[in-house]
PDB file of N, CA and C in Angstrom:
ATOM      1  N   MET A   1     -11.838  -6.740   0.596  1.00  0.00           N
ATOM      2  CA  MET A   1     -11.767  -6.225   1.949  1.00  0.00           C
ATOM      3  C   MET A   1     -10.887  -7.150   2.793  1.00  0.00           C
ATOM      4  N   ILE A   2     -10.009  -6.569   3.559  1.00  0.00           N
ATOM      5  CA  ILE A   2      -9.084  -7.330   4.386  1.00  0.00           C
ATOM      6  C   ILE A   2      -9.652  -7.476   5.794  1.00  0.00           C
ATOM      7  N   ASN A   3      -9.602  -8.678   6.318  1.00  0.00           N
ATOM      8  CA  ASN A   3      -9.973  -8.906   7.707  1.00  0.00           C
ATOM      9  C   ASN A   3      -8.730  -8.684   8.555  1.00  0.00           C
ATOM     10  N   PHE A   4      -8.643  -7.547   9.210  1.00  0.00           N
ATOM     11  CA  PHE A   4      -7.463  -7.190   9.991  1.00  0.00           C
ATOM     12  C   PHE A   4      -7.237  -8.129  11.163  1.00  0.00           C
ATOM     13  N   MET A   5      -8.264  -8.791  11.639  1.00  0.00           N
ATOM     14  CA  MET A   5      -8.111  -9.729  12.746  1.00  0.00           C
ATOM     15  C   MET A   5      -7.297 -10.955  12.309  1.00  0.00           C
ATOM     16  N   GLN A   6      -7.273 -11.256  11.011  1.00  0.00           N
ATOM     17  CA  GLN A   6      -6.607 -12.458  10.523  1.00  0.00           C
ATOM     18  C   GLN A   6      -5.242 -12.192   9.888  1.00  0.00           C
ATOM     19  N   LEU A   7      -4.798 -10.934   9.837  1.00  0.00           N
ATOM     20  CA  LEU A   7      -3.480 -10.653   9.270  1.00  0.00           C
ATOM     21  C   LEU A   7      -2.395 -11.279  10.131  1.00  0.00           C
ATOM     22  N   GLN A   8      -1.411 -11.865   9.465  1.00  0.00           N
ATOM     23  CA  GLN A   8      -0.314 -12.551  10.146  1.00  0.00           C
ATOM     24  C   GLN A   8       1.012 -11.862   9.836  1.00  0.00           C
ATOM     25  N   PRO A   9       1.972 -11.933  10.774  1.00  0.00           N
ATOM     26  CA  PRO A   9       3.299 -11.398  10.489  1.00  0.00           C
ATOM     27  C   PRO A   9       3.855 -11.989   9.189  1.00  0.00           C
ATOM     28  N   GLY A  10       4.458 -11.121   8.401  1.00  0.00           N
ATOM     29  CA  GLY A  10       5.025 -11.530   7.123  1.00  0.00           C
ATOM     30  C   GLY A  10       4.134 -11.219   5.934  1.00  0.00           C
ATOM     31  N   GLN A  11       2.837 -11.067   6.153  1.00  0.00           N
ATOM     32  CA  GLN A  11       1.964 -10.714   5.034  1.00  0.00           C
ATOM     33  C   GLN A  11       2.301  -9.303   4.566  1.00  0.00           C
ATOM     34  N   ARG A  12       2.248  -9.112   3.241  1.00  0.00           N
ATOM     35  CA  ARG A  12       2.613  -7.819   2.669  1.00  0.00           C
ATOM     36  C   ARG A  12       1.360  -7.017   2.345  1.00  0.00           C
ATOM     37  N   LEU A  13       1.403  -5.736   2.709  1.00  0.00           N
ATOM     38  CA  LEU A  13       0.288  -4.832   2.484  1.00  0.00           C
ATOM     39  C   LEU A  13       0.694  -3.704   1.552  1.00  0.00           C
ATOM     40  N   LYS A  14      -0.227  -3.285   0.706  1.00  0.00           N
ATOM     41  CA  LYS A  14      -0.023  -2.094  -0.116  1.00  0.00           C
ATOM     42  C   LYS A  14      -0.867  -0.977   0.492  1.00  0.00           C
ATOM     43  N   LEU A  15      -0.205   0.148   0.774  1.00  0.00           N
ATOM     44  CA  LEU A  15      -0.907   1.281   1.364  1.00  0.00           C
ATOM     45  C   LEU A  15      -1.473   2.180   0.275  1.00  0.00           C
ATOM     46  N   ARG A  16      -2.432   3.006   0.646  1.00  0.00           N
ATOM     47  CA  ARG A  16      -3.065   3.924  -0.305  1.00  0.00           C
ATOM     48  C   ARG A  16      -2.076   4.925  -0.890  1.00  0.00           C
ATOM     49  N   ASP A  17      -0.979   5.207  -0.159  1.00  0.00           N
ATOM     50  CA  ASP A  17       0.010   6.158  -0.669  1.00  0.00           C
ATOM     51  C   ASP A  17       1.041   5.482  -1.581  1.00  0.00           C
ATOM     52  N   GLY A  18       0.861   4.186  -1.870  1.00  0.00           N
ATOM     53  CA  GLY A  18       1.726   3.472  -2.797  1.00  0.00           C
ATOM     54  C   GLY A  18       2.840   2.672  -2.154  1.00  0.00           C
ATOM     55  N   ARG A  19       3.101   2.900  -0.866  1.00  0.00           N
ATOM     56  CA  ARG A  19       4.151   2.137  -0.192  1.00  0.00           C
ATOM     57  C   ARG A  19       3.706   0.703   0.052  1.00  0.00           C
ATOM     58  N   VAL A  20       4.696  -0.180   0.182  1.00  0.00           N
ATOM     59  CA  VAL A  20       4.447  -1.590   0.474  1.00  0.00           C
ATOM     60  C   VAL A  20       5.249  -1.959   1.702  1.00  0.00           C
ATOM     61  N   GLY A  21       4.662  -2.759   2.570  1.00  0.00           N
ATOM     62  CA  GLY A  21       5.366  -3.189   3.767  1.00  0.00           C
ATOM     63  C   GLY A  21       4.884  -4.541   4.243  1.00  0.00           C
ATOM     64  N   SER A  22       5.629  -5.101   5.168  1.00  0.00           N
ATOM     65  CA  SER A  22       5.310  -6.409   5.741  1.00  0.00           C
ATOM     66  C   SER A  22       4.810  -6.248   7.169  1.00  0.00           C
ATOM     67  N   VAL A  23       3.766  -6.989   7.490  1.00  0.00           N
ATOM     68  CA  VAL A  23       3.223  -6.958   8.844  1.00  0.00           C
ATOM     69  C   VAL A  23       4.268  -7.525   9.801  1.00  0.00           C
ATOM     70  N   VAL A  24       4.577  -6.773  10.839  1.00  0.00           N
ATOM     71  CA  VAL A  24       5.495  -7.208  11.890  1.00  0.00           C
ATOM     72  C   VAL A  24       4.696  -7.754  13.062  1.00  0.00           C
ATOM     73  N   GLU A  25       3.610  -7.056  13.405  1.00  0.00           N
ATOM     74  CA  GLU A  25       2.774  -7.458  14.531  1.00  0.00           C
ATOM     75  C   GLU A  25       1.341  -7.022  14.269  1.00  0.00           C
ATOM     76  N   ASN A  26       0.410  -7.889  14.621  1.00  0.00           N
ATOM     77  CA  ASN A  26      -1.008  -7.551  14.560  1.00  0.00           C
ATOM     78  C   ASN A  26      -1.445  -7.252  15.992  1.00  0.00           C
ATOM     79  N   MET A  27      -1.967  -6.054  16.199  1.00  0.00           N
ATOM     80  CA  MET A  27      -2.375  -5.647  17.540  1.00  0.00           C
ATOM     81  C   MET A  27      -3.601  -6.418  18.033  1.00  0.00           C
ATOM     82  N   GLY A  28      -4.324  -7.063  17.108  1.00  0.00           N
ATOM     83  CA  GLY A  28      -5.460  -7.891  17.484  1.00  0.00           C
ATOM     84  C   GLY A  28      -6.738  -7.125  17.754  1.00  0.00           C
ATOM     85  N   ASP A  29      -6.744  -5.827  17.414  1.00  0.00           N
ATOM     86  CA  ASP A  29      -7.943  -5.023  17.645  1.00  0.00           C
ATOM     87  C   ASP A  29      -8.772  -4.822  16.379  1.00  0.00           C
ATOM     88  N   GLY A  30      -8.278  -5.352  15.254  1.00  0.00           N
ATOM     89  CA  GLY A  30      -9.005  -5.224  13.992  1.00  0.00           C
ATOM     90  C   GLY A  30      -8.816  -3.882  13.313  1.00  0.00           C
ATOM     91  N   ILE A  31      -7.956  -3.026  13.847  1.00  0.00           N
ATOM     92  CA  ILE A  31      -7.786  -1.673  13.311  1.00  0.00           C
ATOM     93  C   ILE A  31      -6.326  -1.344  13.007  1.00  0.00           C
ATOM     94  N   TRP A  32      -5.401  -1.757  13.864  1.00  0.00           N
ATOM     95  CA  TRP A  32      -3.997  -1.379  13.747  1.00  0.00           C
ATOM     96  C   TRP A  32      -3.110  -2.592  13.523  1.00  0.00           C
ATOM     97  N   VAL A  33      -2.085  -2.409  12.682  1.00  0.00           N
ATOM     98  CA  VAL A  33      -1.012  -3.384  12.541  1.00  0.00           C
ATOM     99  C   VAL A  33       0.315  -2.623  12.512  1.00  0.00           C
ATOM    100  N   GLN A  34       1.359  -3.271  12.954  1.00  0.00           N
ATOM    101  CA  GLN A  34       2.688  -2.682  12.882  1.00  0.00           C
ATOM    102  C   GLN A  34       3.333  -3.216  11.606  1.00  0.00           C
ATOM    103  N   VAL A  35       3.856  -2.280  10.778  1.00  0.00           N
ATOM    104  CA  VAL A  35       4.357  -2.637   9.453  1.00  0.00           C
ATOM    105  C   VAL A  35       5.766  -2.095   9.255  1.00  0.00           C
ATOM    106  N   ALA A  36       6.638  -2.936   8.703  1.00  0.00           N
ATOM    107  CA  ALA A  36       7.971  -2.513   8.283  1.00  0.00           C
ATOM    108  C   ALA A  36       7.892  -2.232   6.793  1.00  0.00           C
ATOM    109  N   MET A  37       8.187  -0.992   6.406  1.00  0.00           N
ATOM    110  CA  MET A  37       8.094  -0.605   5.008  1.00  0.00           C
ATOM    111  C   MET A  37       9.263  -1.180   4.215  1.00  0.00           C
ATOM    112  N   THR A  38       8.979  -1.717   3.053  1.00  0.00           N
ATOM    113  CA  THR A  38       9.964  -2.380   2.216  1.00  0.00           C
ATOM    114  C   THR A  38      11.099  -1.455   1.807  1.00  0.00           C
ATOM    115  N   GLU A  39      10.790  -0.224   1.421  1.00  0.00           N
ATOM    116  CA  GLU A  39      11.806   0.696   0.910  1.00  0.00           C
ATOM    117  C   GLU A  39      12.539   1.449   2.020  1.00  0.00           C
ATOM    118  N   SER A  40      12.235   1.174   3.276  1.00  0.00           N
ATOM    119  CA  SER A  40      12.813   1.929   4.395  1.00  0.00           C
ATOM    120  C   SER A  40      13.757   1.067   5.212  1.00  0.00           C
ATOM    121  N   ASP A  41      14.917   0.740   4.654  1.00  0.00           N
ATOM    122  CA  ASP A  41      15.892  -0.059   5.395  1.00  0.00           C
ATOM    123  C   ASP A  41      16.339   0.682   6.650  1.00  0.00           C
ATOM    124  N   GLY A  42      16.320  -0.001   7.769  1.00  0.00           N
ATOM    125  CA  GLY A  42      16.795   0.583   9.012  1.00  0.00           C
ATOM    126  C   GLY A  42      15.779   1.398   9.774  1.00  0.00           C
ATOM    127  N   ASP A  43      14.675   1.782   9.138  1.00  0.00           N
ATOM    128  CA  ASP A  43      13.649   2.550   9.843  1.00  0.00           C
ATOM    129  C   ASP A  43      12.849   1.636  10.758  1.00  0.00           C
ATOM    130  N   GLU A  44      12.341   2.231  11.811  1.00  0.00           N
ATOM    131  CA  GLU A  44      11.487   1.492  12.742  1.00  0.00           C
ATOM    132  C   GLU A  44      10.160   1.150  12.061  1.00  0.00           C
ATOM    133  N   PRO A  45       9.582  -0.017  12.398  1.00  0.00           N
ATOM    134  CA  PRO A  45       8.238  -0.318  11.910  1.00  0.00           C
ATOM    135  C   PRO A  45       7.262   0.758  12.389  1.00  0.00           C
ATOM    136  N   GLU A  46       6.206   0.969  11.631  1.00  0.00           N
ATOM    137  CA  GLU A  46       5.232   1.998  12.012  1.00  0.00           C
ATOM    138  C   GLU A  46       3.847   1.396  12.146  1.00  0.00           C
ATOM    139  N   LEU A  47       3.029   2.034  12.976  1.00  0.00           N
ATOM    140  CA  LEU A  47       1.643   1.617  13.117  1.00  0.00           C
ATOM    141  C   LEU A  47       0.872   2.094  11.894  1.00  0.00           C
ATOM    142  N   VAL A  48       0.077   1.195  11.349  1.00  0.00           N
ATOM    143  CA  VAL A  48      -0.728   1.510  10.173  1.00  0.00           C
ATOM    144  C   VAL A  48      -2.186   1.235  10.516  1.00  0.00           C
ATOM    145  N   HIS A  49      -3.030   2.209  10.233  1.00  0.00           N
ATOM    146  CA  HIS A  49      -4.472   2.106  10.478  1.00  0.00           C
ATOM    147  C   HIS A  49      -5.136   1.424   9.281  1.00  0.00           C
ATOM    148  N   CYS A  50      -6.203   0.703   9.530  1.00  0.00           N
ATOM    149  CA  CYS A  50      -6.888  -0.032   8.465  1.00  0.00           C
ATOM    150  C   CYS A  50      -7.319   0.872   7.306  1.00  0.00           C
ATOM    151  N   GLU A  51      -7.631   2.124   7.583  1.00  0.00           N
ATOM    152  CA  GLU A  51      -8.062   3.056   6.528  1.00  0.00           C
ATOM    153  C   GLU A  51      -6.926   3.424   5.569  1.00  0.00           C
ATOM    154  N   GLU A  52      -5.672   3.185   5.982  1.00  0.00           N
ATOM    155  CA  GLU A  52      -4.511   3.504   5.161  1.00  0.00           C
ATOM    156  C   GLU A  52      -4.170   2.390   4.170  1.00  0.00           C
ATOM    157  N   VAL A  53      -4.781   1.227   4.320  1.00  0.00           N
ATOM    158  CA  VAL A  53      -4.410   0.045   3.532  1.00  0.00           C
ATOM    159  C   VAL A  53      -5.307  -0.067   2.295  1.00  0.00           C
ATOM    160  N   ALA A  54      -4.655  -0.223   1.126  1.00  0.00           N
ATOM    161  CA  ALA A  54      -5.382  -0.407  -0.130  1.00  0.00           C
ATOM    162  C   ALA A  54      -5.704  -1.876  -0.361  1.00  0.00           C
ATOM    163  N   GLY A  55      -4.834  -2.762   0.126  1.00  0.00           N
ATOM    164  CA  GLY A  55      -5.070  -4.192  -0.057  1.00  0.00           C
ATOM    165  C   GLY A  55      -3.805  -4.972   0.211  1.00  0.00           C
ATOM    166  N   LEU A  56      -3.883  -6.274  -0.042  1.00  0.00           N
ATOM    167  CA  LEU A  56      -2.707  -7.118   0.086  1.00  0.00           C
ATOM    168  C   LEU A  56      -1.818  -6.866  -1.121  1.00  0.00           C
ATOM    169  N   ALA A  57      -0.511  -6.839  -0.907  1.00  0.00           N
ATOM    170  CA  ALA A  57       0.435  -6.656  -2.004  1.00  0.00           C
ATOM    171  C   ALA A  57       0.581  -7.989  -2.741  1.00  0.00           C
ATOM    172  N   ASP A  58       0.769  -7.918  -4.035  1.00  0.00           N
ATOM    173  CA  ASP A  58       0.996  -9.119  -4.823  1.00  0.00           C
ATOM    174  C   ASP A  58       2.286  -9.776  -4.370  1.00  0.00           C
ATOM    175  N   SER A  59       2.253 -11.065  -4.205  1.00  0.00           N
ATOM    176  CA  SER A  59       3.482 -11.749  -3.821  1.00  0.00           C
ATOM    177  C   SER A  59       4.331 -11.948  -5.068  1.00  0.00           C
ATOM    178  N   ASP A  60       5.633 -11.773  -4.884  1.00  0.00           N
ATOM    179  CA  ASP A  60       6.568 -11.890  -6.013  1.00  0.00           C
ATOM    180  C   ASP A  60       7.057 -13.293  -6.172  1.00  0.00           C
TER     181      ASP A  60
END
């Protein structure tokens, strides 16, 4: 289980839909984080809800 209050910018998350992204900003509410998706060059970061996250992505 991930503590959303402690997520820091740069940490990588794996979403339930298989996408991986890096935390850009933690809203500090324990529910939402702003994430830049790894495979989406040039796209705006998106808000991700805690229910969408499968876990931390393995670091390479």
